[in-house]
Amino acid sequence: MNGHIRKISVGKDYPDGVLHFQVGKSMRLVGVPYTITDIILDQNMLSLGRSVYNIYISNAEGKVLWKTIDGLPVVIENNIDFS
């Protein structure tokens, strides 16, 4: 499943009361531009019975783990490619 998540919505009141994180979305943190590059289900935590999602961002200087979603309600949108 790694690399196939396109968007994750986090929170209880979907769709309006949640935070949305989408691969490809640009944002600024402390005035520095970043792009969300990956949303990955942590396979190690899944083997322990926990669904933990890691969100990675990048810019010209590299790629870093930005957020970890653990123990919160989520709605996942997967990449769909019919070709």
PDB file of N, CA and C in Angstrom:
ATOM      1  N   MET A   1       0.817  -1.200   0.000  1.00  0.00           N
ATOM      2  CA  MET A   1       0.000   0.000   0.000  1.00  0.00           C
ATOM      3  C   MET A   1       0.857   1.259   0.000  1.00  0.00           C
ATOM      4  N   ASN A   2       2.127   1.156   0.300  1.00  0.00           N
ATOM      5  CA  ASN A   2       2.990   2.337   0.324  1.00  0.00           C
ATOM      6  C   ASN A   2       2.986   3.052  -1.006  1.00  0.00           C
ATOM      7  N   GLY A   3       2.855   4.379  -0.955  1.00  0.00           N
ATOM      8  CA  GLY A   3       2.914   5.185  -2.152  1.00  0.00           C
ATOM      9  C   GLY A   3       1.615   5.298  -2.906  1.00  0.00           C
ATOM     10  N   HIS A   4       0.548   4.654  -2.450  1.00  0.00           N
ATOM     11  CA  HIS A   4      -0.709   4.674  -3.182  1.00  0.00           C
ATOM     12  C   HIS A   4      -1.745   5.617  -2.568  1.00  0.00           C
ATOM     13  N   ILE A   5      -1.451   6.188  -1.416  1.00  0.00           N
ATOM     14  CA  ILE A   5      -2.396   7.106  -0.787  1.00  0.00           C
ATOM     15  C   ILE A   5      -2.242   8.485  -1.426  1.00  0.00           C
ATOM     16  N   ARG A   6      -3.350   9.023  -1.920  1.00  0.00           N
ATOM     17  CA  ARG A   6      -3.355  10.337  -2.554  1.00  0.00           C
ATOM     18  C   ARG A   6      -3.720  11.441  -1.570  1.00  0.00           C
ATOM     19  N   LYS A   7      -4.651  11.129  -0.654  1.00  0.00           N
ATOM     20  CA  LYS A   7      -5.153  12.147   0.267  1.00  0.00           C
ATOM     21  C   LYS A   7      -5.595  11.478   1.556  1.00  0.00           C
ATOM     22  N   ILE A   8      -5.343  12.145   2.684  1.00  0.00           N
ATOM     23  CA  ILE A   8      -5.826  11.677   3.974  1.00  0.00           C
ATOM     24  C   ILE A   8      -6.571  12.833   4.635  1.00  0.00           C
ATOM     25  N   SER A   9      -7.751  12.537   5.151  1.00  0.00           N
ATOM     26  CA  SER A   9      -8.554  13.514   5.883  1.00  0.00           C
ATOM     27  C   SER A   9      -8.611  13.040   7.324  1.00  0.00           C
ATOM     28  N   VAL A  10      -8.243  13.904   8.255  1.00  0.00           N
ATOM     29  CA  VAL A  10      -8.071  13.518   9.651  1.00  0.00           C
ATOM     30  C   VAL A  10      -9.050  14.279  10.530  1.00  0.00           C
ATOM     31  N   GLY A  11      -9.841  13.548  11.314  1.00  0.00           N
ATOM     32  CA  GLY A  11     -10.776  14.160  12.247  1.00  0.00           C
ATOM     33  C   GLY A  11     -12.106  13.433  12.257  1.00  0.00           C
ATOM     34  N   LYS A  12     -12.995  13.860  13.141  1.00  0.00           N
ATOM     35  CA  LYS A  12     -14.266  13.170  13.361  1.00  0.00           C
ATOM     36  C   LYS A  12     -15.399  13.614  12.450  1.00  0.00           C
ATOM     37  N   ASP A  13     -15.411  14.875  12.049  1.00  0.00           N
ATOM     38  CA  ASP A  13     -16.580  15.426  11.351  1.00  0.00           C
ATOM     39  C   ASP A  13     -16.312  15.603   9.861  1.00  0.00           C
ATOM     40  N   TYR A  14     -16.189  14.491   9.149  1.00  0.00           N
ATOM     41  CA  TYR A  14     -15.910  14.526   7.709  1.00  0.00           C
ATOM     42  C   TYR A  14     -17.123  15.039   6.958  1.00  0.00           C
ATOM     43  N   PRO A  15     -17.019  15.883   5.988  1.00  0.00           N
ATOM     44  CA  PRO A  15     -15.808  16.410   5.367  1.00  0.00           C
ATOM     45  C   PRO A  15     -15.397  17.786   5.872  1.00  0.00           C
ATOM     46  N   ASP A  16     -16.288  18.493   6.588  1.00  0.00           N
ATOM     47  CA  ASP A  16     -16.003  19.888   6.915  1.00  0.00           C
ATOM     48  C   ASP A  16     -15.151  20.083   8.167  1.00  0.00           C
ATOM     49  N   GLY A  17     -15.222  19.175   9.125  1.00  0.00           N
ATOM     50  CA  GLY A  17     -14.513  19.368  10.387  1.00  0.00           C
ATOM     51  C   GLY A  17     -13.222  18.588  10.472  1.00  0.00           C
ATOM     52  N   VAL A  18     -12.536  18.390   9.347  1.00  0.00           N
ATOM     53  CA  VAL A  18     -11.305  17.605   9.337  1.00  0.00           C
ATOM     54  C   VAL A  18     -10.176  18.386   8.656  1.00  0.00           C
ATOM     55  N   LEU A  19      -8.963  17.931   8.868  1.00  0.00           N
ATOM     56  CA  LEU A  19      -7.806  18.468   8.155  1.00  0.00           C
ATOM     57  C   LEU A  19      -7.532  17.558   6.966  1.00  0.00           C
ATOM     58  N   HIS A  20      -7.263  18.160   5.812  1.00  0.00           N
ATOM     59  CA  HIS A  20      -6.989  17.405   4.592  1.00  0.00           C
ATOM     60  C   HIS A  20      -5.518  17.578   4.213  1.00  0.00           C
ATOM     61  N   PHE A  21      -4.849  16.475   3.931  1.00  0.00           N
ATOM     62  CA  PHE A  21      -3.467  16.484   3.465  1.00  0.00           C
ATOM     63  C   PHE A  21      -3.435  15.715   2.153  1.00  0.00           C
ATOM     64  N   GLN A  22      -2.966  16.360   1.077  1.00  0.00           N
ATOM     65  CA  GLN A  22      -3.006  15.764  -0.255  1.00  0.00           C
ATOM     66  C   GLN A  22      -1.624  15.808  -0.898  1.00  0.00           C
ATOM     67  N   VAL A  23      -1.211  14.666  -1.466  1.00  0.00           N
ATOM     68  CA  VAL A  23       0.061  14.593  -2.174  1.00  0.00           C
ATOM     69  C   VAL A  23       0.043  15.604  -3.320  1.00  0.00           C
ATOM     70  N   GLY A  24       1.120  16.362  -3.450  1.00  0.00           N
ATOM     71  CA  GLY A  24       1.238  17.376  -4.487  1.00  0.00           C
ATOM     72  C   GLY A  24       0.842  18.770  -4.038  1.00  0.00           C
ATOM     73  N   LYS A  25       0.188  18.876  -2.877  1.00  0.00           N
ATOM     74  CA  LYS A  25      -0.242  20.192  -2.394  1.00  0.00           C
ATOM     75  C   LYS A  25       0.968  20.991  -1.909  1.00  0.00           C
ATOM     76  N   SER A  26       1.038  22.247  -2.339  1.00  0.00           N
ATOM     77  CA  SER A  26       2.095  23.152  -1.898  1.00  0.00           C
ATOM     78  C   SER A  26       1.623  23.923  -0.679  1.00  0.00           C
ATOM     79  N   MET A  27       2.573  24.273   0.180  1.00  0.00           N
ATOM     80  CA  MET A  27       2.259  25.042   1.383  1.00  0.00           C
ATOM     81  C   MET A  27       3.506  25.786   1.811  1.00  0.00           C
ATOM     82  N   ARG A  28       3.341  26.651   2.781  1.00  0.00           N
ATOM     83  CA  ARG A  28       4.467  27.394   3.337  1.00  0.00           C
ATOM     84  C   ARG A  28       4.497  27.154   4.836  1.00  0.00           C
ATOM     85  N   LEU A  29       5.675  26.841   5.345  1.00  0.00           N
ATOM     86  CA  LEU A  29       5.901  26.683   6.785  1.00  0.00           C
ATOM     87  C   LEU A  29       6.997  27.662   7.168  1.00  0.00           C
ATOM     88  N   VAL A  30       6.683  28.599   8.039  1.00  0.00           N
ATOM     89  CA  VAL A  30       7.608  29.647   8.459  1.00  0.00           C
ATOM     90  C   VAL A  30       8.198  30.345   7.233  1.00  0.00           C
ATOM     91  N   GLY A  31       7.348  30.592   6.242  1.00  0.00           N
ATOM     92  CA  GLY A  31       7.750  31.310   5.046  1.00  0.00           C
ATOM     93  C   GLY A  31       8.511  30.502   4.012  1.00  0.00           C
ATOM     94  N   VAL A  32       8.741  29.212   4.270  1.00  0.00           N
ATOM     95  CA  VAL A  32       9.495  28.363   3.348  1.00  0.00           C
ATOM     96  C   VAL A  32       8.515  27.468   2.584  1.00  0.00           C
ATOM     97  N   PRO A  33       8.612  27.419   1.242  1.00  0.00           N
ATOM     98  CA  PRO A  33       7.695  26.575   0.468  1.00  0.00           C
ATOM     99  C   PRO A  33       8.059  25.095   0.537  1.00  0.00           C
ATOM    100  N   TYR A  34       7.038  24.262   0.669  1.00  0.00           N
ATOM    101  CA  TYR A  34       7.173  22.805   0.692  1.00  0.00           C
ATOM    102  C   TYR A  34       6.046  22.195  -0.135  1.00  0.00           C
ATOM    103  N   THR A  35       6.227  20.944  -0.508  1.00  0.00           N
ATOM    104  CA  THR A  35       5.192  20.168  -1.184  1.00  0.00           C
ATOM    105  C   THR A  35       5.023  18.851  -0.447  1.00  0.00           C
ATOM    106  N   ILE A  36       3.764  18.438  -0.236  1.00  0.00           N
ATOM    107  CA  ILE A  36       3.512  17.111   0.342  1.00  0.00           C
ATOM    108  C   ILE A  36       3.852  16.085  -0.738  1.00  0.00           C
ATOM    109  N   THR A  37       4.800  15.194  -0.439  1.00  0.00           N
ATOM    110  CA  THR A  37       5.279  14.242  -1.441  1.00  0.00           C
ATOM    111  C   THR A  37       4.744  12.827  -1.250  1.00  0.00           C
ATOM    112  N   ASP A  38       4.541  12.412  -0.004  1.00  0.00           N
ATOM    113  CA  ASP A  38       4.121  11.032   0.268  1.00  0.00           C
ATOM    114  C   ASP A  38       3.258  10.969   1.512  1.00  0.00           C
ATOM    115  N   ILE A  39       2.277  10.084   1.470  1.00  0.00           N
ATOM    116  CA  ILE A  39       1.491   9.713   2.653  1.00  0.00           C
ATOM    117  C   ILE A  39       1.581   8.190   2.710  1.00  0.00           C
ATOM    118  N   ILE A  40       2.224   7.686   3.763  1.00  0.00           N
ATOM    119  CA  ILE A  40       2.561   6.263   3.803  1.00  0.00           C
ATOM    120  C   ILE A  40       2.028   5.615   5.079  1.00  0.00           C
ATOM    121  N   LEU A  41       1.356   4.499   4.907  1.00  0.00           N
ATOM    122  CA  LEU A  41       0.919   3.678   6.034  1.00  0.00           C
ATOM    123  C   LEU A  41       2.147   2.967   6.597  1.00  0.00           C
ATOM    124  N   ASP A  42       2.409   3.146   7.883  1.00  0.00           N
ATOM    125  CA  ASP A  42       3.581   2.553   8.538  1.00  0.00           C
ATOM    126  C   ASP A  42       3.358   1.054   8.726  1.00  0.00           C
ATOM    127  N   GLN A  43       4.036   0.248   7.927  1.00  0.00           N
ATOM    128  CA  GLN A  43       3.852  -1.208   7.954  1.00  0.00           C
ATOM    129  C   GLN A  43       4.287  -1.815   9.283  1.00  0.00           C
ATOM    130  N   ASN A  44       5.302  -1.245   9.939  1.00  0.00           N
ATOM    131  CA  ASN A  44       5.744  -1.771  11.232  1.00  0.00           C
ATOM    132  C   ASN A  44       4.661  -1.619  12.286  1.00  0.00           C
ATOM    133  N   MET A  45       3.984  -0.484  12.293  1.00  0.00           N
ATOM    134  CA  MET A  45       2.914  -0.259  13.257  1.00  0.00           C
ATOM    135  C   MET A  45       1.673  -1.079  12.900  1.00  0.00           C
ATOM    136  N   LEU A  46       1.444  -1.278  11.608  1.00  0.00           N
ATOM    137  CA  LEU A  46       0.310  -2.087  11.162  1.00  0.00           C
ATOM    138  C   LEU A  46       0.438  -3.512  11.684  1.00  0.00           C
ATOM    139  N   SER A  47       1.657  -4.039  11.713  1.00  0.00           N
ATOM    140  CA  SER A  47       1.879  -5.400  12.233  1.00  0.00           C
ATOM    141  C   SER A  47       1.587  -5.480  13.729  1.00  0.00           C
ATOM    142  N   LEU A  48       1.566  -4.330  14.404  1.00  0.00           N
ATOM    143  CA  LEU A  48       1.214  -4.272  15.830  1.00  0.00           C
ATOM    144  C   LEU A  48      -0.260  -3.946  16.047  1.00  0.00           C
ATOM    145  N   GLY A  49      -1.022  -3.877  14.954  1.00  0.00           N
ATOM    146  CA  GLY A  49      -2.454  -3.615  15.053  1.00  0.00           C
ATOM    147  C   GLY A  49      -2.821  -2.147  15.090  1.00  0.00           C
ATOM    148  N   ARG A  50      -1.890  -1.262  14.724  1.00  0.00           N
ATOM    149  CA  ARG A  50      -2.155   0.177  14.745  1.00  0.00           C
ATOM    150  C   ARG A  50      -2.010   0.743  13.338  1.00  0.00           C
ATOM    151  N   SER A  51      -2.950   1.599  12.952  1.00  0.00           N
ATOM    152  CA  SER A  51      -2.879   2.279  11.661  1.00  0.00           C
ATOM    153  C   SER A  51      -2.254   3.654  11.878  1.00  0.00           C
ATOM    154  N   VAL A  52      -0.992   3.773  11.508  1.00  0.00           N
ATOM    155  CA  VAL A  52      -0.229   5.002  11.670  1.00  0.00           C
ATOM    156  C   VAL A  52       0.183   5.464  10.275  1.00  0.00           C
ATOM    157  N   TYR A  53      -0.059   6.744   9.994  1.00  0.00           N
ATOM    158  CA  TYR A  53       0.250   7.309   8.690  1.00  0.00           C
ATOM    159  C   TYR A  53       1.318   8.378   8.840  1.00  0.00           C
ATOM    160  N   ASN A  54       2.338   8.329   7.978  1.00  0.00           N
ATOM    161  CA  ASN A  54       3.412   9.313   7.979  1.00  0.00           C
ATOM    162  C   ASN A  54       3.272  10.197   6.754  1.00  0.00           C
ATOM    163  N   ILE A  55       3.357  11.517   6.970  1.00  0.00           N
ATOM    164  CA  ILE A  55       3.242  12.491   5.889  1.00  0.00           C
ATOM    165  C   ILE A  55       4.606  13.141   5.701  1.00  0.00           C
ATOM    166  N   TYR A  56       5.119  13.070   4.463  1.00  0.00           N
ATOM    167  CA  TYR A  56       6.427  13.612   4.121  1.00  0.00           C
ATOM    168  C   TYR A  56       6.278  14.853   3.257  1.00  0.00           C
ATOM    169  N   ILE A  57       7.162  15.829   3.492  1.00  0.00           N
ATOM    170  CA  ILE A  57       7.210  17.042   2.682  1.00  0.00           C
ATOM    171  C   ILE A  57       8.622  17.207   2.132  1.00  0.00           C
ATOM    172  N   SER A  58       8.718  17.981   1.034  1.00  0.00           N
ATOM    173  CA  SER A  58      10.048  18.235   0.472  1.00  0.00           C
ATOM    174  C   SER A  58      10.105  19.617  -0.149  1.00  0.00           C
ATOM    175  N   ASN A  59      11.334  20.077  -0.354  1.00  0.00           N
ATOM    176  CA  ASN A  59      11.629  21.272  -1.123  1.00  0.00           C
ATOM    177  C   ASN A  59      13.000  21.054  -1.749  1.00  0.00           C
ATOM    178  N   ALA A  60      13.626  22.103  -2.236  1.00  0.00           N
ATOM    179  CA  ALA A  60      14.915  21.972  -2.918  1.00  0.00           C
ATOM    180  C   ALA A  60      16.017  21.433  -2.002  1.00  0.00           C
ATOM    181  N   GLU A  61      15.827  21.559  -0.703  1.00  0.00           N
ATOM    182  CA  GLU A  61      16.852  21.112   0.247  1.00  0.00           C
ATOM    183  C   GLU A  61      16.705  19.654   0.660  1.00  0.00           C
ATOM    184  N   GLY A  62      15.598  18.996   0.331  1.00  0.00           N
ATOM    185  CA  GLY A  62      15.439  17.589   0.675  1.00  0.00           C
ATOM    186  C   GLY A  62      14.025  17.241   1.114  1.00  0.00           C
ATOM    187  N   LYS A  63      13.908  16.032   1.636  1.00  0.00           N
ATOM    188  CA  LYS A  63      12.617  15.467   2.039  1.00  0.00           C
ATOM    189  C   LYS A  63      12.685  15.091   3.519  1.00  0.00           C
ATOM    190  N   VAL A  64      11.592  15.407   4.269  1.00  0.00           N
ATOM    191  CA  VAL A  64      11.550  15.102   5.699  1.00  0.00           C
ATOM    192  C   VAL A  64      10.168  14.584   6.094  1.00  0.00           C
ATOM    193  N   LEU A  65      10.149  13.808   7.175  1.00  0.00           N
ATOM    194  CA  LEU A  65       8.891  13.402   7.789  1.00  0.00           C
ATOM    195  C   LEU A  65       8.327  14.626   8.499  1.00  0.00           C
ATOM    196  N   TRP A  66       7.101  15.007   8.143  1.00  0.00           N
ATOM    197  CA  TRP A  66       6.485  16.207   8.693  1.00  0.00           C
ATOM    198  C   TRP A  66       5.493  15.880   9.803  1.00  0.00           C
ATOM    199  N   LYS A  67       4.568  14.970   9.535  1.00  0.00           N
ATOM    200  CA  LYS A  67       3.526  14.641  10.508  1.00  0.00           C
ATOM    201  C   LYS A  67       3.338  13.133  10.583  1.00  0.00           C
ATOM    202  N   THR A  68       2.942  12.676  11.764  1.00  0.00           N
ATOM    203  CA  THR A  68       2.539  11.292  11.967  1.00  0.00           C
ATOM    204  C   THR A  68       1.129  11.311  12.527  1.00  0.00           C
ATOM    205  N   ILE A  69       0.227  10.601  11.863  1.00  0.00           N
ATOM    206  CA  ILE A  69      -1.167  10.521  12.292  1.00  0.00           C
ATOM    207  C   ILE A  69      -1.350   9.172  12.973  1.00  0.00           C
ATOM    208  N   ASP A  70      -1.704   9.193  14.264  1.00  0.00           N
ATOM    209  CA  ASP A  70      -1.820   7.972  15.053  1.00  0.00           C
ATOM    210  C   ASP A  70      -3.009   8.098  16.003  1.00  0.00           C
ATOM    211  N   GLY A  71      -3.910   7.149  15.929  1.00  0.00           N
ATOM    212  CA  GLY A  71      -5.018   7.107  16.874  1.00  0.00           C
ATOM    213  C   GLY A  71      -6.140   8.085  16.595  1.00  0.00           C
ATOM    214  N   LEU A  72      -6.196   8.638  15.394  1.00  0.00           N
ATOM    215  CA  LEU A  72      -7.265   9.562  15.033  1.00  0.00           C
ATOM    216  C   LEU A  72      -8.099   8.972  13.909  1.00  0.00           C
ATOM    217  N   PRO A  73      -9.381   9.344  13.831  1.00  0.00           N
ATOM    218  CA  PRO A  73     -10.197   8.889  12.698  1.00  0.00           C
ATOM    219  C   PRO A  73      -9.658   9.469  11.396  1.00  0.00           C
ATOM    220  N   VAL A  74      -9.577   8.643  10.361  1.00  0.00           N
ATOM    221  CA  VAL A  74      -9.096   9.107   9.061  1.00  0.00           C
ATOM    222  C   VAL A  74      -9.975   8.577   7.942  1.00  0.00           C
ATOM    223  N   VAL A  75     -10.001   9.333   6.856  1.00  0.00           N
ATOM    224  CA  VAL A  75     -10.595   8.884   5.602  1.00  0.00           C
ATOM    225  C   VAL A  75      -9.465   8.933   4.593  1.00  0.00           C
ATOM    226  N   ILE A  76      -9.257   7.832   3.878  1.00  0.00           N
ATOM    227  CA  ILE A  76      -8.159   7.707   2.922  1.00  0.00           C
ATOM    228  C   ILE A  76      -8.703   7.735   1.502  1.00  0.00           C
ATOM    229  N   GLU A  77      -8.044   8.508   0.636  1.00  0.00           N
ATOM    230  CA  GLU A  77      -8.300   8.441  -0.809  1.00  0.00           C
ATOM    231  C   GLU A  77      -7.058   7.855  -1.442  1.00  0.00           C
ATOM    232  N   ASN A  78      -7.219   6.800  -2.211  1.00  0.00           N
ATOM    233  CA  ASN A  78      -6.100   6.157  -2.892  1.00  0.00           C
ATOM    234  C   ASN A  78      -5.956   6.686  -4.297  1.00  0.00           C
ATOM    235  N   ASN A  79      -4.752   6.586  -4.828  1.00  0.00           N
ATOM    236  CA  ASN A  79      -4.535   6.890  -6.249  1.00  0.00           C
ATOM    237  C   ASN A  79      -5.260   5.858  -7.075  1.00  0.00           C
ATOM    238  N   ILE A  80      -5.960   6.302  -8.096  1.00  0.00           N
ATOM    239  CA  ILE A  80      -6.658   5.399  -9.011  1.00  0.00           C
ATOM    240  C   ILE A  80      -6.071   5.637 -10.382  1.00  0.00           C
ATOM    241  N   ASP A  81      -5.603   4.558 -11.016  1.00  0.00           N
ATOM    242  CA  ASP A  81      -5.044   4.654 -12.365  1.00  0.00           C
ATOM    243  C   ASP A  81      -5.635   3.517 -13.184  1.00  0.00           C
ATOM    244  N   PHE A  82      -6.488   3.859 -14.123  1.00  0.00           N
ATOM    245  CA  PHE A  82      -7.182   2.843 -14.914  1.00  0.00           C
ATOM    246  C   PHE A  82      -6.428   2.446 -16.181  1.00  0.00           C
ATOM    247  N   SER A  83      -5.249   3.039 -16.414  1.00  0.00           N
ATOM    248  CA  SER A  83      -4.509   2.702 -17.633  1.00  0.00           C
ATOM    249  C   SER A  83      -3.615   1.498 -17.438  1.00  0.00           C
TER     250      SER A  83
END
